[in-house]
Structure formats: structure tokens, C-alpha cells
């Protein structure tokens, strides 16, 4: 039986397709051939910076190239995020970010990026609850007492956040909305500068990330409750905010890694796999556990689904709570 051969036009198309794919495949196989930059759009010393540095160390070991952490704080993470959105889609510029990435499009009137269209999801990194802490000079030692004080002095209490749109900001807004109180929001360019303001007593309270843990243990900050659905393993005796005065309250966050849209699939997949391997190692897990962070490394597809869900969720929360746009 005679085998039918492809027509000359079909052969030409196939040849052209293979020719076009070969450089991309060779590029992906050679990756990385130079240092990689991870942009953390918040100040050094904060939660995103902390996670980015762990990821950077593991990627450097797995990929055999230096990984540089580039802190670009400002506008609730929008400045650094825009930088990555406009970067070359070659796998050498990545973004480590918190869930402000999915909050900001609903919180700001003008956001210089689209969290779905402008990025390639790489991998989720960690998830975490927050810690509601107050300066020792504030005369409250429970969530109920804090709510009572806030009601007695509308707008007098202020709380620090790591920037508008960040988890630490939204947690405070959600608390105010559910408790029926009015507090003043003081945004900073990351947890790094926000935390000293609370420790120094310039700001009364803070819904802090894991960076507050050492200061709780030394007594520089007083823990009133944790924002998760369950108690923290680090402070098993500390109640959740929900069980200690504000039923139904829950505010948690996550960190994830993204690349600019159009980054080759093979490169995205390789980075994702190396992140999963690195964060699964015993030393990384130990470091994360000490900071009360849950390891959440997963596939690009899983992160894409999370982003779509979170964008919709926070749009509804911000509208229902009446949080003003920035």
C-alpha cells in the first residue's frame, strides 16, 4: 500500500513551524545563563521580602545562577508590580508578591497592571494568618476591650499597615467594618518601616505578618488575637479574633511568584518545579514554620485559579465594606 505524502504546502508549514520552535526550545534548555532578579514590591525586612529571600536562595541552588532580590516599595506594591509587568518575558525578572496583587485592582482607581493578563503564574509560595498586636501603652488586653475603646473614641485609634491594598490594610478595614468602629489607617512602604512605628508607640496597633512574632515574644508588642480560622501553632494560647470578640472575622494572606506575560512555558515550568523542590526541603520548612508560614508551593495552573478567585472575592469585600478607592 502506498503511503500518502504531505503536500508541498503542508511540508512548508511544518518546516517553518519546527524552525520557529527550535530557537525557543534551545533558549529554554540553556536557561538560565545569567543572574535572575526577583522584584519584591515592598521594603526590605517585611513579609514578602522574607519569603522572596528564601525562594531566591533555593532557586539559586537549583538553577545554578545568582538570584538577586530587588526591593521596589511604594503604592501598596503597585510600583514594583508594574516594573515586572513591563519587563522582558525571558525568565530573568520575576515578581514575589502578596495578595495585594489581587486586591489593588479594586482598591485603586488606576492600577498599572492586570493581574490576569499581564503575568504568567509560576507558583504559590506561602500562606499565613496575621497577628493583631498593640503597643503595651494602649490600655487594652483583649479584642473586646479594643472594640470598646474604638467605639468610645471614633477615629482616635490609628493602625499601621504595610501599604494601601496590602493584607495588613484590608484586615484592619474588615475589622472596622465588622466591629462597627472607625479607626485611622496609616500606610507605610512595607512591614519593615511599619513595625518600628508600632514598637515605638507612634501607632497604636497593627495587623502584622510573621515579622511581629519575635517582638510579641519579647513583650515589645501585645498580642490580642490571630486572624485565622484556627489558633496559631506559635501561640496556641492566643485566641482568634473571631472567638475573642468579633465572631465571623477572618483575614489571611498568601505570597506567590509570577513572571511577565509571554514568558516561555518551559521556563515557567522549570522555575515552578525548582520552587517546589526548594521549599519542600527540611531547612526551608523549618524556617517557614518558625515564622508561622505554611508552605503552599504548587503548579502554575493552581496559582492561576487562585488569582481569578481572589480578584472576584476582594472586589466584593471592598464594595460591601465601603472601603474608599485610593
Protein backbone atom coordinates (compact mmCIF):
# COMPACT_ATOMS: atom_id res chain seq x y z
CA UNK A 1 0.00 0.00 0.00
CA UNK A 2 1.39 3.38 -0.96
CA UNK A 3 1.72 5.92 1.88
CA UNK A 4 0.31 9.34 1.14
CA UNK A 5 2.96 12.03 1.49
CA UNK A 6 2.19 15.51 2.82
CA UNK A 7 1.61 18.12 0.15
CA UNK A 8 4.40 20.56 -0.58
CA UNK A 9 2.45 23.39 1.04
CA UNK A 10 1.88 21.35 4.22
CA UNK A 11 5.55 20.38 4.31
CA UNK A 12 6.47 24.04 4.07
CA UNK A 13 4.20 24.93 7.01
CA UNK A 14 5.59 22.08 9.14
CA UNK A 15 9.16 23.03 8.31
CA UNK A 16 8.52 26.66 9.18
CA UNK A 17 6.83 25.71 12.46
CA UNK A 18 9.71 23.48 13.55
CA UNK A 19 12.21 26.15 12.54
CA UNK A 20 10.37 28.72 14.64
CA UNK A 21 10.21 26.43 17.67
CA UNK A 22 13.84 25.35 17.68
CA UNK A 23 15.30 28.67 18.93
CA UNK A 24 12.69 28.84 21.72
CA UNK A 25 13.42 25.26 22.76
CA UNK A 26 17.16 25.87 22.71
CA UNK A 27 16.65 29.07 24.73
CA UNK A 28 14.61 27.23 27.36
CA UNK A 29 17.19 24.44 27.61
CA UNK A 30 20.01 26.97 28.08
CA UNK A 31 18.11 28.87 30.78
CA UNK A 32 19.39 30.39 32.95
CA UNK A 33 22.60 31.80 31.54
CA UNK A 34 22.77 34.92 33.74
CA UNK A 35 21.59 36.15 37.17
CA UNK A 36 17.85 36.26 37.89
CA UNK A 37 16.11 39.16 39.58
CA UNK A 38 13.13 38.75 41.93
CA UNK A 39 11.34 42.04 42.46
CA UNK A 40 9.74 42.38 45.91
CA UNK A 41 7.43 45.41 45.70
CA UNK A 42 7.73 46.18 49.42
CA UNK A 43 10.50 47.39 51.72
CA UNK A 44 13.26 45.12 52.96
CA UNK A 45 12.54 43.43 56.27
CA UNK A 46 8.86 42.75 55.58
CA UNK A 47 6.98 39.51 54.98
CA UNK A 48 7.24 39.48 51.17
CA UNK A 49 10.95 40.29 51.36
CA UNK A 50 11.48 37.46 53.86
CA UNK A 51 9.81 34.86 51.66
CA UNK A 52 11.46 36.19 48.49
CA UNK A 53 14.90 35.70 50.04
CA UNK A 54 14.19 32.09 50.97
CA UNK A 55 12.90 31.42 47.46
CA UNK A 56 15.88 33.23 45.97
CA UNK A 57 18.34 31.04 47.86
CA UNK A 58 16.59 27.85 46.75
CA UNK A 59 16.30 28.95 43.13
CA UNK A 60 19.96 29.92 43.06
CA UNK A 61 20.95 26.46 44.28
CA UNK A 62 18.56 24.66 41.93
CA UNK A 63 19.25 26.69 38.80
CA UNK A 64 22.95 27.32 39.32
CA UNK A 65 22.72 31.10 38.96
CA UNK A 66 22.73 34.04 41.31
CA UNK A 67 19.30 35.34 42.31
CA UNK A 68 19.06 39.00 43.32
CA UNK A 69 16.22 40.39 45.44
CA UNK A 70 15.26 43.86 44.22
CA UNK A 71 13.05 45.79 46.69
CA UNK A 72 10.82 48.35 44.92
CA UNK A 73 8.35 49.62 47.56
CA UNK A 74 5.54 52.10 47.06
CA UNK A 75 1.83 52.47 46.23
CA UNK A 76 0.83 49.28 48.01
CA UNK A 77 3.07 47.19 45.78
CA UNK A 78 1.95 48.77 42.50
CA UNK A 79 5.32 50.32 41.61
CA UNK A 80 7.32 47.09 41.72
CA UNK A 81 4.49 45.09 40.20
CA UNK A 82 4.27 47.44 37.21
CA UNK A 83 8.03 47.13 36.75
CA UNK A 84 7.73 43.36 36.30
CA UNK A 85 4.64 43.64 34.09
CA UNK A 86 6.71 45.71 31.65
CA UNK A 87 9.90 43.63 31.94
CA UNK A 88 11.23 41.32 29.22
CA UNK A 89 9.41 37.98 29.20
CA UNK A 90 12.61 35.94 29.36
CA UNK A 91 12.54 34.43 32.86
CA UNK A 92 15.16 36.78 34.26
CA UNK A 93 12.74 39.13 36.04
CA UNK A 94 10.22 37.64 38.46
CA UNK A 95 7.74 39.07 40.96
CA UNK A 96 7.30 37.92 44.57
CA UNK A 97 4.11 39.45 45.90
CA UNK A 98 1.36 39.13 48.49
CA UNK A 99 -2.37 39.02 47.85
CA UNK A 100 -2.37 42.81 47.48
CA UNK A 101 -1.71 41.75 43.89
CA UNK A 102 -5.39 40.77 43.62
CA UNK A 103 -6.77 43.45 45.99
CA UNK A 104 -5.31 46.56 44.37
CA UNK A 105 -7.32 46.40 41.12
CA UNK A 106 -10.46 47.03 43.21
CA UNK A 107 -8.87 49.42 45.72
CA UNK A 108 -7.09 51.85 43.39
CA UNK A 109 -8.79 53.97 40.74
CA UNK A 110 -5.90 53.39 38.36
CA UNK A 111 -3.82 50.22 38.55
CA UNK A 112 -0.89 49.95 36.10
CA UNK A 113 -1.28 46.22 35.59
CA UNK A 114 -3.84 43.48 35.08
CA UNK A 115 -3.19 40.56 37.46
CA UNK A 116 -4.54 38.05 34.94
CA UNK A 117 -3.46 39.41 31.54
CA UNK A 118 -0.03 40.86 32.35
CA UNK A 119 1.54 37.93 34.22
CA UNK A 120 2.34 34.24 33.98
CA UNK A 121 1.60 32.49 37.30
CA UNK A 122 4.64 30.47 38.44
CA UNK A 123 3.89 29.09 41.90
CA UNK A 124 2.17 29.90 45.15
CA UNK A 125 4.76 30.17 47.94
CA UNK A 126 3.24 30.51 51.39
CA UNK A 127 0.03 31.32 53.22
CA UNK A 128 -0.29 32.97 56.61
CA UNK A 129 -2.57 34.47 59.21
CA UNK A 130 -1.99 37.87 60.78
CA UNK A 131 -1.41 38.90 64.38
CA UNK A 132 -3.44 41.73 65.91
CA UNK A 133 -0.90 43.49 68.11
CA UNK A 134 -0.95 46.70 70.14
CA UNK A 135 1.70 48.82 71.79
CA UNK A 136 1.96 47.98 75.53
CA UNK A 137 0.91 51.52 76.43
CA UNK A 138 -2.54 51.02 74.90
CA UNK A 139 -4.88 50.15 77.82
CA UNK A 140 -6.47 47.08 76.22
CA UNK A 141 -5.64 43.39 76.53
CA UNK A 142 -8.45 41.81 74.53
CA UNK A 143 -10.30 42.25 71.26
CA UNK A 144 -13.49 43.16 73.16
CA UNK A 145 -11.64 45.89 75.05
CA UNK A 146 -10.13 47.22 71.82
CA UNK A 147 -13.55 47.43 70.16
CA UNK A 148 -14.98 49.20 73.22
CA UNK A 149 -12.14 51.75 73.19
CA UNK A 150 -12.52 52.33 69.44
CA UNK A 151 -16.25 52.94 69.88
CA UNK A 152 -15.63 55.36 72.72
CA UNK A 153 -13.06 57.30 70.67
CA UNK A 154 -14.15 57.25 66.99
CA UNK A 155 -11.22 57.87 64.63
CA UNK A 156 -8.78 58.33 67.53
CA UNK A 157 -7.09 54.92 67.30
CA UNK A 158 -4.71 54.50 64.39
CA UNK A 159 -3.32 51.34 62.86
CA UNK A 160 -0.24 50.81 60.72
CA UNK A 161 -0.20 48.81 57.51
CA UNK A 162 2.47 47.85 55.01
CA UNK A 163 0.66 49.92 52.37
CA UNK A 164 -2.78 50.53 50.92
CA UNK A 165 -4.24 47.34 49.49
CA UNK A 166 -1.97 45.02 51.45
CA UNK A 167 -3.30 42.25 53.65
CA UNK A 168 -2.40 44.28 56.73
CA UNK A 169 -4.55 47.16 55.45
CA UNK A 170 -7.56 45.13 54.37
CA UNK A 171 -7.51 43.19 57.65
CA UNK A 172 -7.88 46.48 59.52
CA UNK A 173 -10.65 47.74 57.25
CA UNK A 174 -12.53 44.46 57.58
CA UNK A 175 -12.15 44.62 61.37
CA UNK A 176 -13.52 48.18 61.47
CA UNK A 177 -16.43 47.29 59.20
CA UNK A 178 -17.45 44.18 61.13
CA UNK A 179 -16.97 45.79 64.57
CA UNK A 180 -18.79 48.99 63.59
CA UNK A 181 -15.89 51.23 64.59
CA UNK A 182 -13.83 53.92 62.89
CA UNK A 183 -10.02 53.78 63.06
CA UNK A 184 -7.41 55.80 61.16
CA UNK A 185 -5.28 53.94 58.63
CA UNK A 186 -1.56 54.86 58.50
CA UNK A 187 0.07 53.25 55.43
CA UNK A 188 3.82 52.58 55.20
CA UNK A 189 6.03 51.31 52.39
CA UNK A 190 6.13 47.77 53.71
CA UNK A 191 6.16 45.92 57.03
CA UNK A 192 9.79 46.92 57.56
CA UNK A 193 9.01 50.61 58.30
CA UNK A 194 5.51 49.92 59.72
CA UNK A 195 6.70 47.67 62.52
CA UNK A 196 9.13 50.15 64.18
CA UNK A 197 6.31 52.72 64.24
CA UNK A 198 4.15 50.36 66.31
CA UNK A 199 7.03 49.24 68.54
CA UNK A 200 7.94 52.88 69.11
CA UNK A 201 4.37 53.80 70.03
CA UNK A 202 3.82 56.22 67.15
CA UNK A 203 0.95 53.99 66.01
CA UNK A 204 -1.40 52.17 68.39
CA UNK A 205 -1.95 48.86 66.65
CA UNK A 206 -1.09 46.67 63.69
CA UNK A 207 -2.41 43.59 61.92
CA UNK A 208 1.07 42.22 61.43
CA UNK A 209 2.56 39.40 59.44
CA UNK A 210 5.03 36.91 60.88
CA UNK A 211 7.63 39.66 61.29
CA UNK A 212 5.88 40.66 64.55
CA UNK A 213 6.41 37.24 66.16
CA UNK A 214 9.82 37.95 67.78
CA UNK A 215 8.51 41.23 69.22
CA UNK A 216 5.49 39.50 70.75
CA UNK A 217 7.82 37.03 72.46
CA UNK A 218 9.99 39.82 73.89
CA UNK A 219 6.98 41.78 75.14
CA UNK A 220 7.55 44.80 72.89
CA UNK A 221 4.09 44.16 71.40
CA UNK A 222 0.95 42.71 72.98
CA UNK A 223 -0.91 40.03 71.03
CA UNK A 224 -4.70 40.35 71.24
CA UNK A 225 -5.62 37.65 68.72
CA UNK A 226 -4.80 35.95 65.44
CA UNK A 227 -6.81 36.49 62.27
CA UNK A 228 -7.02 32.90 61.02
CA UNK A 229 -9.90 30.48 61.42
CA UNK A 230 -7.75 28.45 63.83
CA UNK A 231 -5.25 29.35 66.52
CA UNK A 232 -1.59 29.79 65.66
CA UNK A 233 0.80 26.90 66.45
CA UNK A 234 3.31 29.55 67.53
CA UNK A 235 0.86 30.96 70.14
CA UNK A 236 -1.61 28.18 70.98
CA UNK A 237 -2.95 30.10 73.99
CA UNK A 238 -3.80 33.18 71.93
CA UNK A 239 -7.43 33.23 70.75
CA UNK A 240 -8.55 34.00 67.25
CA UNK A 241 -10.11 37.42 66.73
CA UNK A 242 -13.38 35.65 65.94
CA UNK A 243 -13.54 33.81 69.24
CA UNK A 244 -12.30 36.69 71.34
CA UNK A 245 -14.76 39.41 70.41
CA UNK A 246 -15.62 39.56 66.71
CA UNK A 247 -17.48 36.41 65.56
CA UNK A 248 -17.05 35.52 61.89
CA UNK A 249 -13.89 37.57 61.41
CA UNK A 250 -11.10 36.01 59.34
CA UNK A 251 -8.29 37.60 57.33
CA UNK A 252 -5.45 35.56 55.84
CA UNK A 253 -2.84 36.21 53.19
CA UNK A 254 -0.56 34.48 50.73
CA UNK A 255 2.65 35.02 48.80
CA UNK A 256 3.27 33.88 45.23
CA UNK A 257 5.73 34.10 42.36
CA UNK A 258 4.91 35.48 38.90
CA UNK A 259 6.68 36.17 35.60
CA UNK A 260 5.80 38.69 32.87
CA UNK A 261 3.14 37.56 30.40
CA UNK A 262 4.65 35.72 27.45
CA UNK A 263 7.46 34.07 29.39
CA UNK A 264 8.10 30.69 27.69
CA UNK A 265 6.08 27.86 29.19
CA UNK A 266 9.17 25.66 29.55
CA UNK A 267 10.93 28.33 31.64
CA UNK A 268 7.86 28.96 33.82
CA UNK A 269 7.52 25.23 34.43
CA UNK A 270 11.19 24.83 35.34
CA UNK A 271 11.12 27.71 37.82
CA UNK A 272 7.91 26.34 39.35
CA UNK A 273 9.44 22.89 39.78
CA UNK A 274 12.58 24.31 41.39
CA UNK A 275 10.47 26.39 43.80
CA UNK A 276 8.54 23.27 44.79
CA UNK A 277 11.72 21.28 45.37
CA UNK A 278 13.41 24.07 47.31
CA UNK A 279 10.53 24.92 49.62
CA UNK A 280 9.98 21.22 50.37
CA UNK A 281 13.46 20.81 51.80
CA UNK A 282 13.72 20.37 55.55
CA UNK A 283 15.69 23.55 56.23
CA UNK A 284 13.21 25.72 54.31
CA UNK A 285 10.25 24.11 56.06
CA UNK A 286 11.88 24.71 59.44
CA UNK A 287 12.46 28.40 58.67
CA UNK A 288 8.88 28.85 57.46
CA UNK A 289 7.45 27.05 60.47
CA UNK A 290 9.34 29.30 62.88
CA UNK A 291 7.67 32.28 61.19
CA UNK A 292 4.24 30.60 61.26
CA UNK A 293 4.16 30.38 57.45
CA UNK A 294 2.52 27.49 55.64
CA UNK A 295 4.34 26.17 52.57
CA UNK A 296 1.99 26.32 49.56
CA UNK A 297 4.22 25.67 46.51
CA UNK A 298 2.18 24.33 43.60
CA UNK A 299 1.62 24.42 39.85
CA UNK A 300 1.18 27.49 37.64
CA UNK A 301 -2.36 26.29 36.89
CA UNK A 302 -3.27 26.18 40.58
CA UNK A 303 -1.96 29.70 41.11
CA UNK A 304 -3.89 30.97 38.07
CA UNK A 305 -7.10 29.60 39.57
CA UNK A 306 -6.30 31.24 42.93
CA UNK A 307 -5.75 34.63 41.30
CA UNK A 308 -9.09 34.51 39.48
CA UNK A 309 -10.90 33.57 42.69
CA UNK A 310 -9.15 36.23 44.78
CA UNK A 311 -9.77 39.06 42.31
CA UNK A 312 -13.52 38.36 42.44
CA UNK A 313 -13.56 37.84 46.22
CA UNK A 314 -11.83 41.08 47.15
CA UNK A 315 -13.85 43.14 44.71
CA UNK A 316 -16.97 42.04 46.60
CA UNK A 317 -15.43 42.61 50.06
CA UNK A 318 -14.18 46.12 49.23
CA UNK A 319 -17.55 47.12 47.80
CA UNK A 320 -19.55 45.66 50.70
CA UNK A 321 -17.30 47.26 53.31
CA UNK A 322 -17.41 50.62 51.58
CA UNK A 323 -13.62 50.91 51.54
CA UNK A 324 -12.80 54.10 49.63
CA UNK A 325 -10.68 53.86 46.48
CA UNK A 326 -7.19 55.32 46.63
